Amino acid sequence: MLETEARNPQSMHLQSMTNVEIAALMNQKNNDIQAAIARTYENISLTVDACVNSLKSGGRIIYIGAGTSGRLGVLDAAECVPTFNAEPNQVVGILAGGHDAMFQAAEGAEDNVSLGKHDLIKLHTDSKDTVIGIAASGRTPYVIGALNYANEVGATTVAIANNFGSKIGAIAKISIEASTGPEILTGSTRLASGTVQKEILNTISTIAMIRFGKVYSNLMIDVKPSNEKLERRARAIIKEITDATAEEIERALLDSGHHVGIAIVMLRNSISADEASKLLQTHTVAELI
């Protein structure tokens, strides 16, 4: 039996426990979560290197999964756009069952091996891409089909599973297996397993974007100011790096089309938006400040 499907002896009497006791028991799993992730650092590092190589060569980071695992991949991909001003096609999330499955479960889609392959074909997956298959069980047919096809076209393949000795781990070139043992609610892998997956995806995408030049010090120098909160953050980041006046910052943002990286390079080098934009075609913001 898979560890993620086993019964947890500590939670055999959930219905008779108090709310506080259940909350405390669930929170205790955080220790297992952190220990599980710590065991995967080396393979996370290999994955980051593969992702950066893909981005630098014009390829993509492609997350693919079903159910909760697939939704977490879509979430991480979507968050890379406002956080790092990544192009929407640089980090892609594919969910078995498509867009509608994000909001209404289409769990039957996970059993379709050929659908995983089909979805990668539609995306024109090739050798420049890094394909990261996510499955708590480690044996989801949809993900198996996707990883096998990704290997066929020469993509770098990565498996993220929550059981040791997983099928997808055996298929992928890099295997990240982070087991936290039985769930508090038997088989509900949206709990500890989902938390582990989310943290691993956060780690991979964040470090990849750091290495790709989207971060200076610990500042998001390419944040996309798409709402009021992010506009305030963008101005604060520009101020921190350039020490420009509020008026200079507003002018630079306007001239750059509200592109934070261009505005920073303009102000740090006393150049025009066009000049900064041209420099950024061959350099990162971090290299120019």
Protein backbone atom coordinates (compact mmCIF):
# COMPACT_ATOMS: atom_id res chain seq x y z
CA MET A 1 0.00 0.00 0.00
CA LEU A 2 1.18 3.54 -0.78
CA GLU A 3 2.10 5.64 2.27
CA THR A 4 -0.26 8.35 1.09
CA GLU A 5 -3.14 5.83 1.17
CA ALA A 6 -2.36 4.27 4.55
CA ARG A 7 -4.32 5.03 7.70
CA ASN A 8 -2.71 7.34 10.25
CA PRO A 9 -2.84 5.76 13.74
CA GLN A 10 -2.91 9.21 15.35
CA SER A 11 -6.17 10.18 13.68
CA MET A 12 -8.28 7.05 14.06
CA HIS A 13 -10.89 8.92 16.14
CA LEU A 14 -11.20 12.23 14.31
CA GLN A 15 -14.96 12.38 14.81
CA SER A 16 -14.58 12.31 18.61
CA MET A 17 -11.71 14.80 18.83
CA THR A 18 -12.24 18.50 19.53
CA ASN A 19 -11.63 21.13 16.86
CA VAL A 20 -8.53 22.28 18.72
CA GLU A 21 -7.17 18.73 18.94
CA ILE A 22 -7.68 18.15 15.22
CA ALA A 23 -6.07 21.49 14.36
CA ALA A 24 -3.08 20.66 16.58
CA LEU A 25 -2.73 17.21 15.03
CA MET A 26 -2.82 18.64 11.52
CA ASN A 27 -0.23 21.26 12.46
CA GLN A 28 2.09 18.59 13.83
CA LYS A 29 2.39 17.30 10.27
CA ASN A 30 4.41 20.43 9.46
CA ASN A 31 7.42 18.73 11.07
CA ASP A 32 7.04 15.81 8.67
CA ILE A 33 6.60 18.24 5.76
CA GLN A 34 9.82 20.13 6.46
CA ALA A 35 11.80 16.92 6.97
CA ALA A 36 10.45 15.50 3.70
CA ILE A 37 11.45 18.58 1.73
CA ALA A 38 14.90 18.71 3.33
CA ARG A 39 15.63 15.25 1.91
CA THR A 40 15.04 16.54 -1.63
CA TYR A 41 17.32 19.61 -1.72
CA GLU A 42 19.91 18.08 -4.04
CA ASN A 43 17.37 17.05 -6.66
CA ILE A 44 15.55 20.37 -6.31
CA SER A 45 18.90 22.01 -7.15
CA LEU A 46 19.28 19.82 -10.25
CA THR A 47 15.75 20.76 -11.27
CA VAL A 48 16.47 24.47 -10.89
CA ASP A 49 19.54 24.14 -13.12
CA ALA A 50 17.44 22.39 -15.76
CA CYS A 51 14.74 25.06 -15.57
CA VAL A 52 17.25 27.90 -15.94
CA ASN A 53 18.85 26.16 -18.92
CA SER A 54 15.42 25.84 -20.51
CA LEU A 55 14.58 29.51 -19.97
CA LYS A 56 17.94 30.69 -21.30
CA SER A 57 17.54 28.59 -24.44
CA GLY A 58 14.04 29.87 -25.14
CA GLY A 59 12.34 26.84 -23.65
CA ARG A 60 9.76 26.59 -20.90
CA ILE A 61 9.09 25.19 -17.48
CA ILE A 62 5.99 23.00 -17.91
CA TYR A 63 4.11 21.66 -14.89
CA ILE A 64 1.67 18.85 -15.61
CA GLY A 65 -0.60 16.93 -13.26
CA ALA A 66 -4.14 15.91 -12.35
CA GLY A 67 -6.44 16.93 -9.50
CA THR A 68 -4.81 18.85 -6.64
CA SER A 69 -1.31 18.22 -8.03
CA GLY A 70 -2.22 19.74 -11.40
CA ARG A 71 -3.99 22.70 -9.80
CA LEU A 72 -0.92 23.50 -7.72
CA GLY A 73 1.19 23.50 -10.89
CA VAL A 74 -1.23 25.88 -12.58
CA LEU A 75 -1.17 28.12 -9.49
CA ASP A 76 2.62 28.33 -9.36
CA ALA A 77 2.83 29.04 -13.09
CA ALA A 78 0.23 31.80 -12.85
CA GLU A 79 2.01 33.46 -9.93
CA CYS A 80 5.29 33.74 -11.84
CA VAL A 81 3.74 36.37 -14.13
CA PRO A 82 3.01 39.13 -11.57
CA THR A 83 5.88 38.21 -9.23
CA PHE A 84 8.67 38.05 -11.80
CA ASN A 85 7.07 39.60 -14.90
CA ALA A 86 7.66 36.27 -16.61
CA GLU A 87 6.07 35.82 -20.00
CA PRO A 88 2.92 33.68 -19.68
CA ASN A 89 4.47 31.02 -21.91
CA GLN A 90 7.72 30.75 -19.90
CA VAL A 91 6.16 28.87 -16.98
CA VAL A 92 3.14 26.81 -18.02
CA GLY A 93 0.72 24.75 -15.95
CA ILE A 94 -1.28 21.92 -17.56
CA LEU A 95 -4.16 20.33 -15.67
CA ALA A 96 -5.79 17.07 -16.71
CA GLY A 97 -9.27 17.95 -17.90
CA GLY A 98 -8.34 21.48 -18.92
CA HIS A 99 -9.55 24.86 -17.67
CA ASP A 100 -12.87 23.64 -16.26
CA ALA A 101 -11.10 21.07 -14.07
CA MET A 102 -9.56 23.94 -12.10
CA PHE A 103 -12.97 24.68 -10.62
CA GLN A 104 -14.83 21.39 -10.88
CA ALA A 105 -13.13 18.05 -10.36
CA ALA A 106 -12.55 15.99 -13.49
CA GLU A 107 -10.71 13.23 -11.70
CA GLY A 108 -11.43 10.64 -14.42
CA ALA A 109 -9.04 12.51 -16.70
CA GLU A 110 -6.10 11.36 -14.58
CA ASP A 111 -6.57 7.76 -15.75
CA ASN A 112 -6.03 8.64 -19.42
CA VAL A 113 -2.41 7.89 -20.38
CA SER A 114 -2.76 9.20 -23.93
CA LEU A 115 -4.28 12.50 -22.72
CA GLY A 116 -1.04 13.49 -20.97
CA LYS A 117 0.88 12.93 -24.20
CA HIS A 118 -1.81 14.73 -26.21
CA ASP A 119 -1.68 17.81 -23.98
CA LEU A 120 2.09 18.10 -24.39
CA ILE A 121 1.80 17.66 -28.15
CA LYS A 122 -0.69 20.55 -28.26
CA LEU A 123 1.90 22.65 -26.47
CA HIS A 124 4.58 21.71 -29.03
CA THR A 125 6.85 20.40 -26.28
CA ASP A 126 10.45 19.90 -27.39
CA SER A 127 14.01 19.36 -26.17
CA LYS A 128 14.35 22.93 -24.86
CA ASP A 129 11.63 22.41 -22.27
CA THR A 130 11.74 21.10 -18.71
CA VAL A 131 8.60 19.06 -18.01
CA ILE A 132 7.73 18.56 -14.34
CA GLY A 133 5.17 15.85 -13.68
CA ILE A 134 3.38 16.12 -10.33
CA ALA A 135 1.48 13.23 -8.72
CA ALA A 136 1.09 12.53 -5.01
CA SER A 137 0.69 8.80 -5.63
CA GLY A 138 3.55 8.80 -8.10
CA ARG A 139 1.63 6.55 -10.45
CA THR A 140 -1.01 8.74 -12.12
CA PRO A 141 -1.47 7.46 -15.72
CA TYR A 142 -1.98 10.97 -17.13
CA VAL A 143 1.40 12.07 -15.76
CA ILE A 144 3.10 8.84 -16.82
CA GLY A 145 1.93 9.40 -20.40
CA ALA A 146 3.16 12.99 -20.32
CA LEU A 147 6.61 12.15 -18.96
CA ASN A 148 7.11 9.29 -21.40
CA TYR A 149 6.32 11.61 -24.31
CA ALA A 150 8.54 14.37 -22.90
CA ASN A 151 11.42 11.88 -22.77
CA GLU A 152 10.74 10.91 -26.39
CA VAL A 153 11.16 14.51 -27.60
CA GLY A 154 14.29 15.07 -25.51
CA ALA A 155 12.86 17.39 -22.87
CA THR A 156 14.36 17.33 -19.37
CA THR A 157 11.87 15.46 -17.21
CA VAL A 158 11.28 15.84 -13.49
CA ALA A 159 8.92 13.88 -11.22
CA ILE A 160 7.47 15.21 -7.98
CA ALA A 161 5.81 12.46 -5.94
CA ASN A 162 4.87 11.85 -2.30
CA ASN A 163 5.76 8.17 -2.20
CA PHE A 164 9.18 6.57 -2.45
CA GLY A 165 9.95 4.28 -5.38
CA SER A 166 7.32 6.00 -7.52
CA LYS A 167 6.56 5.04 -11.11
CA ILE A 168 6.97 8.61 -12.33
CA GLY A 169 10.27 8.86 -10.44
CA ALA A 170 11.55 5.88 -12.41
CA ILE A 171 10.53 7.51 -15.71
CA ALA A 172 11.86 11.03 -15.11
CA LYS A 173 15.49 12.09 -15.42
CA ILE A 174 15.25 13.83 -12.03
CA SER A 175 13.12 12.41 -9.22
CA ILE A 176 11.89 14.43 -6.24
CA GLU A 177 10.15 12.08 -3.80
CA ALA A 178 8.93 13.76 -0.61
CA SER A 179 6.90 11.43 1.60
CA THR A 180 5.23 12.69 4.76
CA GLY A 181 3.58 9.39 5.60
CA PRO A 182 -0.16 8.77 6.02
CA GLU A 183 -2.48 11.74 5.82
CA ILE A 184 -4.57 12.82 8.82
CA LEU A 185 -7.63 12.15 6.67
CA THR A 186 -6.85 8.88 4.92
CA GLY A 187 -6.02 9.36 1.25
CA SER A 188 -6.72 13.11 1.17
CA THR A 189 -3.51 14.16 -0.52
CA ARG A 190 -4.64 17.78 -0.78
CA LEU A 191 -3.42 18.02 2.85
CA ALA A 192 0.23 17.28 3.77
CA SER A 193 1.12 15.99 0.31
CA GLY A 194 -0.36 19.09 -1.32
CA THR A 195 1.51 21.35 1.09
CA VAL A 196 4.78 19.61 0.26
CA GLN A 197 4.12 19.97 -3.46
CA LYS A 198 3.30 23.67 -3.11
CA GLU A 199 6.50 24.34 -1.15
CA ILE A 200 8.64 22.42 -3.62
CA LEU A 201 7.12 24.28 -6.58
CA ASN A 202 7.62 27.61 -4.77
CA THR A 203 11.25 26.69 -4.20
CA ILE A 204 11.91 25.59 -7.78
CA SER A 205 10.32 28.60 -9.47
CA THR A 206 11.73 31.17 -7.04
CA ILE A 207 15.33 29.95 -7.26
CA ALA A 208 15.03 29.54 -11.03
CA MET A 209 13.90 33.16 -11.36
CA ILE A 210 16.72 34.30 -9.06
CA ARG A 211 19.23 32.52 -11.31
CA PHE A 212 17.49 33.91 -14.40
CA GLY A 213 18.19 37.46 -13.20
CA LYS A 214 14.73 38.40 -11.96
CA VAL A 215 15.98 39.25 -8.46
CA TYR A 216 18.51 41.76 -7.12
CA SER A 217 19.51 41.28 -3.48
CA ASN A 218 16.16 40.07 -2.15
CA LEU A 219 14.04 42.41 -4.28
CA MET A 220 11.65 41.45 -7.08
CA ILE A 221 13.18 43.77 -9.66
CA ASP A 222 10.88 42.62 -12.45
CA VAL A 223 7.60 42.67 -10.53
CA LYS A 224 4.64 43.43 -12.80
CA PRO A 225 2.68 46.40 -11.32
CA SER A 226 -0.74 45.11 -12.35
CA ASN A 227 -2.69 46.35 -9.34
CA GLU A 228 -2.47 49.03 -6.64
CA LYS A 229 -0.57 46.83 -4.19
CA LEU A 230 2.02 45.85 -6.81
CA GLU A 231 2.32 49.45 -8.00
CA ARG A 232 3.26 50.51 -4.46
CA ARG A 233 5.70 47.62 -4.24
CA ALA A 234 7.25 48.54 -7.59
CA ARG A 235 7.82 52.15 -6.54
CA ALA A 236 9.34 51.03 -3.23
CA ILE A 237 11.71 48.63 -5.01
CA ILE A 238 12.81 51.31 -7.49
CA LYS A 239 13.35 53.75 -4.62
CA GLU A 240 15.38 51.19 -2.66
CA ILE A 241 17.72 50.48 -5.58
CA THR A 242 18.04 53.90 -7.21
CA ASP A 243 17.27 56.37 -4.40
CA ALA A 244 15.46 58.44 -7.03
CA THR A 245 12.85 61.01 -6.12
CA ALA A 246 9.15 60.23 -6.35
CA GLU A 247 8.93 62.43 -9.43
CA GLU A 248 11.87 60.68 -11.12
CA ILE A 249 10.35 57.30 -10.38
CA GLU A 250 6.98 58.28 -11.82
CA ARG A 251 8.61 59.65 -14.96
CA ALA A 252 10.73 56.52 -15.42
CA LEU A 253 7.72 54.25 -14.95
CA LEU A 254 5.74 56.27 -17.47
CA ASP A 255 8.56 56.31 -20.03
CA SER A 256 9.20 52.58 -19.60
CA GLY A 257 5.57 51.58 -20.00
CA HIS A 258 5.49 50.65 -16.30
CA HIS A 259 8.25 48.08 -16.76
CA VAL A 260 10.07 48.07 -13.42
CA GLY A 261 13.30 46.56 -14.72
CA ILE A 262 13.61 49.12 -17.50
CA ALA A 263 12.85 51.94 -15.06
CA ILE A 264 15.59 50.76 -12.69
CA VAL A 265 18.19 50.49 -15.46
CA MET A 266 17.21 53.94 -16.75
CA LEU A 267 17.62 55.58 -13.38
CA ARG A 268 20.80 53.75 -12.35
CA ASN A 269 22.53 54.48 -15.66
CA SER A 270 20.96 57.85 -16.58
CA ILE A 271 19.79 56.54 -19.96
CA SER A 272 16.56 56.58 -21.94
CA ALA A 273 13.89 53.89 -21.92
CA ASP A 274 14.89 52.82 -25.43
CA GLU A 275 18.54 52.47 -24.43
CA ALA A 276 17.63 50.51 -21.30
CA SER A 277 15.30 48.25 -23.27
CA LYS A 278 18.04 47.45 -25.79
CA LEU A 279 20.51 46.62 -23.04
CA LEU A 280 17.99 44.26 -21.46
CA GLN A 281 17.80 42.25 -24.65
CA THR A 282 21.26 40.86 -23.89
CA HIS A 283 21.64 41.48 -20.14
CA THR A 284 19.62 41.00 -17.00
CA VAL A 285 18.57 43.87 -14.78
CA ALA A 286 20.90 42.57 -12.06
CA GLU A 287 23.85 42.79 -14.44
CA LEU A 288 23.12 46.43 -15.28
CA ILE A 289 22.78 47.87 -11.78
